[in-house]
Amino acid sequence: MTYKCVVFDFDGTLADTEEKAFNIYNKLASKYKYSPVTMEELQHIKNLHMKEILEIVDIPFYRLPRALSEGQKLMREESSEIWAFSSDIHSFFTELKKDTDHVGILTSNIKKTVIEFLDTYNLREEIEFVMCSALMSKSKKIKKVLRKYDLDPSEMLYIGDETRDIDACHKVGVDVVAVKWGYNTPLALERCHPTYMIENLWDVIDIVKKKNTFA
């Protein structure tokens, strides 16, 4: 089967938000009296699975939704200064649309932040949908996309930068591309066995073309 739908994570995959997320986390740490993270500790955390990260970050679980929500709002305030990893991102999506039926974004960020990013890079016409999910509930939203477009899991390709992206796709049976420039390190990603790993965004088009040519 061909890849009829290609879906992207946002933070760490399309948008370079790591430094902002790091600063926001430490700002909230000061406010809510949990441990801040140093840059050295961040490099260690990037090697860990999401479950391991949640175990070492000393935010009480019941406070996590509130902390995430407040962090997203702070990120929204800086959304005009969120930049794409690829300066030619508009050309990339223009080309990708020629090889698949649907292109969208599935993110744990808030929709307004993503929309402003799309406006910055003139991508409203290229991105068919933006869907938001809770931190650990991406598999449910992936299923929703499959139902919406009446797709078999083998007809979707998801691109993300975190171990939880890979886990969500494995749970649903969707092929997943792990990018090497995001929040998790390549070592952490490899341990979760993504379908593909890439070093350049344009590699996604090569993957889609190859799949669709031999389908």
Protein backbone atom coordinates (compact mmCIF):
# COMPACT_ATOMS: atom_id res chain seq x y z
CA MET A 1 0.00 0.00 0.00
CA THR A 2 1.02 3.63 -0.51
CA TYR A 3 1.46 6.31 2.14
CA LYS A 4 -1.76 8.24 1.61
CA CYS A 5 -1.33 10.34 4.76
CA VAL A 6 1.86 11.85 6.19
CA VAL A 7 1.64 13.32 9.68
CA PHE A 8 4.26 15.35 11.53
CA ASP A 9 5.00 16.07 15.13
CA PHE A 10 5.65 19.78 15.74
CA ASP A 11 8.10 20.55 18.56
CA GLY A 12 11.54 19.13 17.86
CA THR A 13 10.51 17.84 14.44
CA LEU A 14 9.42 20.87 12.43
CA ALA A 15 9.97 23.62 14.99
CA ASP A 16 13.11 24.28 17.02
CA THR A 17 11.62 24.84 20.49
CA GLU A 18 14.09 22.98 22.72
CA GLU A 19 15.77 26.05 24.22
CA LYS A 20 12.42 27.73 24.86
CA ALA A 21 11.05 24.57 26.48
CA PHE A 22 14.17 24.32 28.65
CA ASN A 23 13.81 27.91 29.84
CA ILE A 24 10.07 27.54 30.44
CA TYR A 25 10.61 24.37 32.49
CA ASN A 26 13.10 26.13 34.75
CA LYS A 27 10.82 29.15 35.08
CA LEU A 28 8.01 26.89 36.28
CA ALA A 29 10.44 24.99 38.51
CA SER A 30 11.17 28.22 40.34
CA LYS A 31 7.48 29.03 40.64
CA TYR A 32 6.31 25.61 41.84
CA LYS A 33 9.41 24.67 43.87
CA TYR A 34 10.55 21.61 41.96
CA SER A 35 14.10 20.94 40.83
CA PRO A 36 15.45 22.96 37.90
CA VAL A 37 17.43 21.25 35.15
CA THR A 38 20.93 22.27 34.14
CA MET A 39 22.11 22.15 30.53
CA GLU A 40 24.33 19.18 31.43
CA GLU A 41 21.35 17.34 32.94
CA LEU A 42 19.31 18.12 29.84
CA GLN A 43 21.81 16.29 27.67
CA HIS A 44 21.41 13.22 29.89
CA ILE A 45 17.61 13.49 29.85
CA LYS A 46 17.61 13.55 26.05
CA ASN A 47 18.98 9.99 26.15
CA LEU A 48 16.05 8.71 28.19
CA HIS A 49 12.64 7.29 27.38
CA MET A 50 9.68 9.48 28.33
CA LYS A 51 8.74 7.10 31.16
CA GLU A 52 12.25 7.44 32.60
CA ILE A 53 12.11 11.22 32.30
CA LEU A 54 8.83 11.38 34.22
CA GLU A 55 10.40 9.27 36.96
CA ILE A 56 13.35 11.62 37.52
CA VAL A 57 11.54 14.94 37.08
CA ASP A 58 10.15 15.62 40.52
CA ILE A 59 6.82 17.13 39.48
CA PRO A 60 3.99 15.45 41.41
CA PHE A 61 1.91 13.53 38.88
CA TYR A 62 -1.28 15.36 39.83
CA ARG A 63 0.41 18.67 39.00
CA LEU A 64 1.70 17.54 35.61
CA PRO A 65 -1.38 18.55 33.53
CA ARG A 66 -1.37 22.04 35.07
CA ALA A 67 2.37 22.43 34.54
CA LEU A 68 2.06 21.33 30.90
CA SER A 69 -0.84 23.68 30.30
CA GLU A 70 0.99 26.63 31.79
CA GLY A 71 4.12 25.73 29.84
CA GLN A 72 2.15 25.68 26.59
CA LYS A 73 0.72 29.12 27.33
CA LEU A 74 4.21 30.49 27.97
CA MET A 75 5.37 28.93 24.70
CA ARG A 76 2.42 30.57 22.96
CA GLU A 77 3.64 33.97 24.15
CA GLU A 78 6.89 33.37 22.26
CA SER A 79 5.37 31.73 19.19
CA SER A 80 6.38 34.58 16.90
CA GLU A 81 10.01 33.62 17.61
CA ILE A 82 9.70 29.89 16.91
CA TRP A 83 11.74 28.95 13.86
CA ALA A 84 11.75 25.94 11.57
CA PHE A 85 14.71 23.58 11.52
CA SER A 86 14.64 23.73 7.71
CA SER A 87 14.71 27.16 6.09
CA ASP A 88 13.23 25.64 2.92
CA ILE A 89 10.29 24.11 4.77
CA HIS A 90 7.73 25.65 2.40
CA SER A 91 9.39 24.07 -0.63
CA PHE A 92 9.55 20.77 1.22
CA PHE A 93 5.82 20.64 1.90
CA THR A 94 4.99 21.80 -1.62
CA GLU A 95 6.92 18.82 -2.97
CA LEU A 96 5.55 16.37 -0.41
CA LYS A 97 1.95 17.20 -1.33
CA LYS A 98 2.62 15.90 -4.84
CA ASP A 99 3.24 12.40 -3.47
CA THR A 100 0.52 11.90 -0.86
CA ASP A 101 -3.16 12.68 -0.35
CA HIS A 102 -3.14 14.19 3.14
CA VAL A 103 -0.53 16.10 5.15
CA GLY A 104 -1.08 17.12 8.75
CA ILE A 105 0.40 17.89 12.15
CA LEU A 106 -0.31 15.99 15.37
CA THR A 107 1.17 17.71 18.40
CA SER A 108 1.08 17.97 22.17
CA ASN A 109 1.43 21.73 21.81
CA ILE A 110 -1.55 24.06 21.48
CA LYS A 111 -3.12 24.77 18.10
CA LYS A 112 -2.65 28.55 18.17
CA THR A 113 1.12 28.16 18.48
CA VAL A 114 1.22 25.83 15.49
CA ILE A 115 -1.05 28.04 13.39
CA GLU A 116 1.18 31.06 13.97
CA PHE A 117 4.16 28.98 12.86
CA LEU A 118 2.27 27.96 9.70
CA ASP A 119 1.49 31.60 9.00
CA THR A 120 5.14 32.57 9.47
CA TYR A 121 6.16 30.09 6.78
CA ASN A 122 3.06 30.47 4.60
CA LEU A 123 2.05 26.83 5.09
CA ARG A 124 -1.70 27.08 5.61
CA GLU A 125 -2.42 25.64 2.16
CA GLU A 126 0.13 22.85 2.51
CA ILE A 127 -1.01 21.53 5.92
CA GLU A 128 -4.49 20.04 5.75
CA PHE A 129 -5.06 19.62 9.48
CA VAL A 130 -3.58 20.37 12.89
CA MET A 131 -4.63 18.02 15.68
CA CYS A 132 -3.63 18.26 19.34
CA SER A 133 -3.23 15.47 21.87
CA ALA A 134 -2.35 14.99 25.51
CA LEU A 135 1.27 14.20 26.29
CA MET A 136 0.89 10.41 26.32
CA SER A 137 -2.24 9.99 24.17
CA LYS A 138 -0.96 10.31 20.62
CA SER A 139 -2.00 6.78 19.69
CA LYS A 140 -5.67 7.72 20.22
CA LYS A 141 -5.33 10.73 17.94
CA ILE A 142 -3.52 8.69 15.30
CA LYS A 143 -6.49 6.31 15.31
CA LYS A 144 -8.78 9.32 14.90
CA VAL A 145 -6.89 10.41 11.78
CA LEU A 146 -7.10 6.88 10.38
CA ARG A 147 -10.87 6.85 10.90
CA LYS A 148 -11.33 10.35 9.50
CA TYR A 149 -9.68 9.48 6.19
CA ASP A 150 -10.71 5.81 6.15
CA LEU A 151 -7.11 4.63 6.11
CA ASP A 152 -5.42 1.36 6.90
CA PRO A 153 -2.52 1.88 9.37
CA SER A 154 -0.10 0.87 6.61
CA GLU A 155 -1.24 3.91 4.61
CA MET A 156 -0.01 6.44 7.19
CA LEU A 157 3.52 7.65 7.91
CA TYR A 158 4.28 9.59 11.09
CA ILE A 159 7.38 11.72 11.62
CA GLY A 160 8.52 12.55 15.15
CA ASP A 161 11.52 13.18 17.37
CA GLU A 162 10.67 11.45 20.65
CA THR A 163 10.43 7.93 22.00
CA ARG A 164 6.76 8.49 22.82
CA ASP A 165 6.10 9.18 19.12
CA ILE A 166 7.58 5.81 18.22
CA ASP A 167 5.66 4.04 20.98
CA ALA A 168 2.37 5.58 19.85
CA CYS A 169 2.92 4.50 16.25
CA HIS A 170 3.92 0.96 17.23
CA LYS A 171 0.76 0.71 19.32
CA VAL A 172 -1.41 1.52 16.29
CA GLY A 173 0.68 -0.23 13.63
CA VAL A 174 1.75 2.92 11.78
CA ASP A 175 5.21 3.32 10.24
CA VAL A 176 7.26 5.98 12.00
CA VAL A 177 10.21 8.12 10.97
CA ALA A 178 12.48 9.27 13.81
CA VAL A 179 14.41 12.48 13.15
CA LYS A 180 17.90 12.83 14.59
CA TRP A 181 17.75 16.56 15.38
CA GLY A 182 14.96 16.66 17.98
CA TYR A 183 14.36 16.30 21.72
CA ASN A 184 15.55 12.70 22.08
CA THR A 185 19.00 11.58 20.96
CA PRO A 186 19.46 9.06 18.13
CA LEU A 187 20.57 6.50 20.73
CA ALA A 188 17.30 6.82 22.66
CA LEU A 189 15.30 6.65 19.44
CA GLU A 190 17.12 3.58 18.13
CA ARG A 191 16.25 1.66 21.29
CA CYS A 192 12.56 2.04 20.38
CA HIS A 193 13.06 0.66 16.85
CA PRO A 194 11.53 3.26 14.52
CA THR A 195 10.73 2.17 10.96
CA TYR A 196 13.15 4.77 9.60
CA MET A 197 15.68 7.26 10.97
CA ILE A 198 16.65 10.38 9.04
CA GLU A 199 19.13 13.25 9.22
CA ASN A 200 17.38 15.61 6.80
CA LEU A 201 13.71 16.55 6.46
CA TRP A 202 13.82 15.99 2.71
CA ASP A 203 14.54 12.31 3.36
CA VAL A 204 10.82 11.98 4.14
CA ILE A 205 9.99 12.60 0.49
CA ASP A 206 12.44 9.89 -0.57
CA ILE A 207 10.77 7.44 1.83
CA VAL A 208 7.29 8.28 0.54
CA LYS A 209 8.34 8.09 -3.12
CA LYS A 210 10.05 4.73 -2.62
CA LYS A 211 7.06 3.27 -0.78
CA ASN A 212 4.58 4.53 -3.35
CA THR A 213 6.69 3.43 -6.32
CA PHE A 214 6.92 -0.18 -5.17
CA ALA A 215 3.40 -0.44 -3.75
